Amino acid sequence: MGPGAIKLAQLTGALILPIRIEFGSAWSFRGWDHFRLPKPFTTVTAIIGPCLEIPPDLSEDDFETERQRVERVLNPDHEID
């Protein structure tokens, strides 16, 4: 996840509403984004997380911590560098 949504929420005070889509079965494509295309007739689950608030006064380290927190909510099974 890039820093744009976090910075925008920090500057405007808007909340971030994380939405994650999971597929029962999907084709995965090689590429920078690991795009997945659901197979026909598979189950699709939409997970809508709690709204996340980003504090307006963050240091650079705290900003990165917040970015990683949002990324963990969006990708709970993915290891973050």
Foldseek 3Di string as FASTA:
>chain_A
DDLVVLLVCLVPVDWDKAKEKDWPDWDFDDDPVRDTGHDPPIDMDIDIDDTHHHHNDDDPVRSVVVVVVSVCVHPVPDDDD
